[in-house]
Amino acid sequence: MQSETPNHETIGIVVVDHGSRRAASNDLLLEVVQLFRQTTGRPIVEAAHMELAEPSIAAAFARCVAQGAGLVIVHPYFLSPGRHWSEDIPRLAAQAAAQHPGVRHMVTAPLGLHQKMAEIMAERIEVCLARCRGEDVACGVCDEQTRCRLLD
């Protein structure tokens, strides 16, 4: 993956989720960002929550700029398009960009429909079925409190 645009701007990426009052939910985004950074080799990747938790889009945007980003790409970590993607996130990204004259920004599409999403769903279902059969497998999401179980 390239870390610069064709005109040699350094790219920063802000990965945005909705945000939650539950710390564990917000912490998951930090893991997603770390995994994305490791997988892509992109050096400037920051997490942000649209609402309810910090860091905000503005704070993550500022961190990207502080690391030298001339273009900040805001990626909604959402499954499907909706009002947050079409209105709220672009508005919040524009407000953040206004604090950094000369820095360009864009908002990407959410995750959406993709073959890999179906593959992930199939994998999760198979792991849960195996756990229900008593096999000792882990999905990386469940714990003893929230693990999948067969309900009557």
Protein backbone atom coordinates (compact mmCIF):
# COMPACT_ATOMS: atom_id res chain seq x y z
CA MET A 1 0.00 0.00 0.00
CA GLN A 2 1.22 3.46 -0.82
CA SER A 3 1.55 5.97 1.97
CA GLU A 4 1.58 8.91 -0.44
CA THR A 5 -0.69 10.29 -3.13
CA PRO A 6 0.66 10.82 -6.69
CA ASN A 7 1.60 14.40 -5.74
CA HIS A 8 3.53 13.07 -2.70
CA GLU A 9 1.07 13.98 0.03
CA THR A 10 1.40 11.77 3.06
CA ILE A 11 -1.82 9.87 3.73
CA GLY A 12 -3.39 9.52 7.15
CA ILE A 13 -6.37 7.27 7.78
CA VAL A 14 -9.06 7.71 10.41
CA VAL A 15 -11.16 4.58 11.02
CA VAL A 16 -14.50 5.64 12.53
CA ASP A 17 -17.06 3.54 14.33
CA HIS A 18 -20.27 4.71 15.98
CA GLY A 19 -18.90 4.82 19.51
CA SER A 20 -20.39 3.25 22.61
CA ARG A 21 -20.80 3.82 26.31
CA ARG A 22 -19.21 0.36 26.77
CA ALA A 23 -15.42 0.57 26.95
CA ALA A 24 -15.02 -2.98 25.60
CA SER A 25 -16.88 -2.03 22.43
CA ASN A 26 -14.69 1.03 21.94
CA ASP A 27 -11.53 -0.97 22.64
CA LEU A 28 -12.36 -3.30 19.76
CA LEU A 29 -11.82 -0.43 17.31
CA LEU A 30 -8.28 0.01 18.65
CA GLU A 31 -7.63 -3.63 17.81
CA VAL A 32 -9.12 -3.16 14.34
CA VAL A 33 -6.88 -0.15 13.72
CA GLN A 34 -3.79 -2.02 14.95
CA LEU A 35 -4.60 -4.98 12.69
CA PHE A 36 -5.19 -2.65 9.72
CA ARG A 37 -1.90 -0.85 10.38
CA GLN A 38 0.02 -4.15 10.59
CA THR A 39 -1.70 -5.66 7.55
CA THR A 40 -1.31 -2.66 5.26
CA GLY A 41 1.94 -1.20 6.52
CA ARG A 42 0.36 2.24 6.58
CA PRO A 43 2.10 4.25 9.30
CA ILE A 44 -0.61 6.84 10.02
CA VAL A 45 -3.85 5.15 11.07
CA GLU A 46 -5.97 6.47 13.93
CA ALA A 47 -9.19 5.32 15.58
CA ALA A 48 -12.17 7.62 16.14
CA HIS A 49 -15.69 7.32 17.46
CA MET A 50 -18.46 9.30 15.81
CA GLU A 51 -20.13 9.94 19.17
CA LEU A 52 -20.38 8.79 22.78
CA ALA A 53 -16.64 8.20 23.27
CA GLU A 54 -13.18 9.58 22.64
CA PRO A 55 -11.18 9.99 20.53
CA SER A 56 -13.47 12.03 18.32
CA ILE A 57 -13.08 12.40 14.57
CA ALA A 58 -11.55 15.84 15.18
CA ALA A 59 -8.97 14.44 17.62
CA ALA A 60 -8.00 11.55 15.34
CA PHE A 61 -7.82 13.91 12.34
CA ALA A 62 -5.50 16.22 14.30
CA ARG A 63 -3.27 13.26 15.24
CA CYS A 64 -2.94 12.35 11.55
CA VAL A 65 -1.98 15.92 10.68
CA ALA A 66 0.52 16.03 13.57
CA GLN A 67 2.19 12.96 12.04
CA GLY A 68 2.54 14.73 8.68
CA ALA A 69 -0.61 13.78 6.78
CA GLY A 70 -1.54 16.13 3.94
CA LEU A 71 -4.53 13.99 3.00
CA VAL A 72 -6.73 12.41 5.67
CA ILE A 73 -8.97 9.56 4.57
CA VAL A 74 -11.91 9.00 6.91
CA HIS A 75 -13.16 5.42 6.67
CA PRO A 76 -16.49 4.53 8.32
CA TYR A 77 -16.17 1.12 9.99
CA PHE A 78 -19.86 0.50 9.30
CA LEU A 79 -21.46 -2.39 7.45
CA SER A 80 -23.89 -0.39 5.36
CA PRO A 81 -24.55 3.14 4.20
CA GLY A 82 -26.99 5.27 6.15
CA ARG A 83 -27.43 8.73 7.61
CA HIS A 84 -24.22 8.54 9.65
CA TRP A 85 -22.24 7.79 6.48
CA SER A 86 -24.02 10.24 4.19
CA GLU A 87 -24.46 13.14 6.63
CA ASP A 88 -22.91 12.90 10.09
CA ILE A 89 -19.41 11.63 9.32
CA PRO A 90 -18.87 13.97 6.33
CA ARG A 91 -20.02 16.92 8.48
CA LEU A 92 -17.72 15.97 11.36
CA ALA A 93 -14.80 15.34 8.98
CA ALA A 94 -15.33 18.73 7.32
CA GLN A 95 -15.36 20.43 10.73
CA ALA A 96 -12.12 18.67 11.62
CA ALA A 97 -10.53 19.61 8.28
CA ALA A 98 -11.49 23.27 8.76
CA GLN A 99 -9.07 23.35 11.71
CA HIS A 100 -6.19 22.33 9.40
CA PRO A 101 -6.01 24.62 6.35
CA GLY A 102 -4.23 23.02 3.42
CA VAL A 103 -4.98 19.47 4.52
CA ARG A 104 -7.34 17.65 2.18
CA HIS A 105 -9.73 14.95 3.26
CA MET A 106 -12.17 12.42 1.91
CA VAL A 107 -14.77 10.06 3.37
CA THR A 108 -14.82 6.55 1.91
CA ALA A 109 -17.72 4.18 1.52
CA PRO A 110 -18.50 1.85 4.44
CA LEU A 111 -17.56 -1.82 4.33
CA GLY A 112 -20.72 -2.78 2.46
CA LEU A 113 -21.32 -5.85 0.36
CA HIS A 114 -18.16 -7.83 -0.35
CA GLN A 115 -17.33 -11.49 -0.89
CA LYS A 116 -15.04 -11.50 2.13
CA MET A 117 -17.95 -10.45 4.36
CA ALA A 118 -19.83 -13.61 3.36
CA GLU A 119 -16.70 -15.66 4.05
CA ILE A 120 -16.37 -14.13 7.52
CA MET A 121 -20.03 -14.84 8.27
CA ALA A 122 -19.64 -18.47 7.18
CA GLU A 123 -16.51 -18.86 9.32
CA ARG A 124 -18.19 -17.38 12.41
CA ILE A 125 -21.22 -19.66 11.98
CA GLU A 126 -19.02 -22.76 11.60
CA VAL A 127 -17.01 -21.89 14.72
CA CYS A 128 -20.20 -21.36 16.73
CA LEU A 129 -21.63 -24.65 15.53
CA ALA A 130 -18.40 -26.41 16.50
CA ARG A 131 -18.54 -24.86 19.98
CA CYS A 132 -22.15 -26.01 20.35
CA ARG A 133 -20.95 -29.54 19.49
CA GLY A 134 -18.49 -29.27 22.38
CA GLU A 135 -15.36 -28.73 20.31
CA ASP A 136 -12.68 -26.54 21.86
CA VAL A 137 -12.42 -23.81 19.23
CA ALA A 138 -12.24 -20.06 19.65
CA CYS A 139 -13.61 -17.39 17.37
CA GLY A 140 -11.64 -14.48 18.81
CA VAL A 141 -14.83 -12.66 19.79
CA CYS A 142 -16.58 -14.81 22.39
CA ASP A 143 -15.65 -15.27 26.00
CA GLU A 144 -17.25 -17.47 28.65
CA GLN A 145 -19.90 -14.83 29.35
CA THR A 146 -20.86 -14.09 25.77
CA ARG A 147 -19.99 -17.27 23.92
CA CYS A 148 -22.39 -18.78 21.43
CA ARG A 149 -24.78 -21.39 22.78
CA LEU A 150 -27.63 -23.43 21.48
CA LEU A 151 -30.85 -22.03 22.94
CA ASP A 152 -34.07 -23.98 23.39
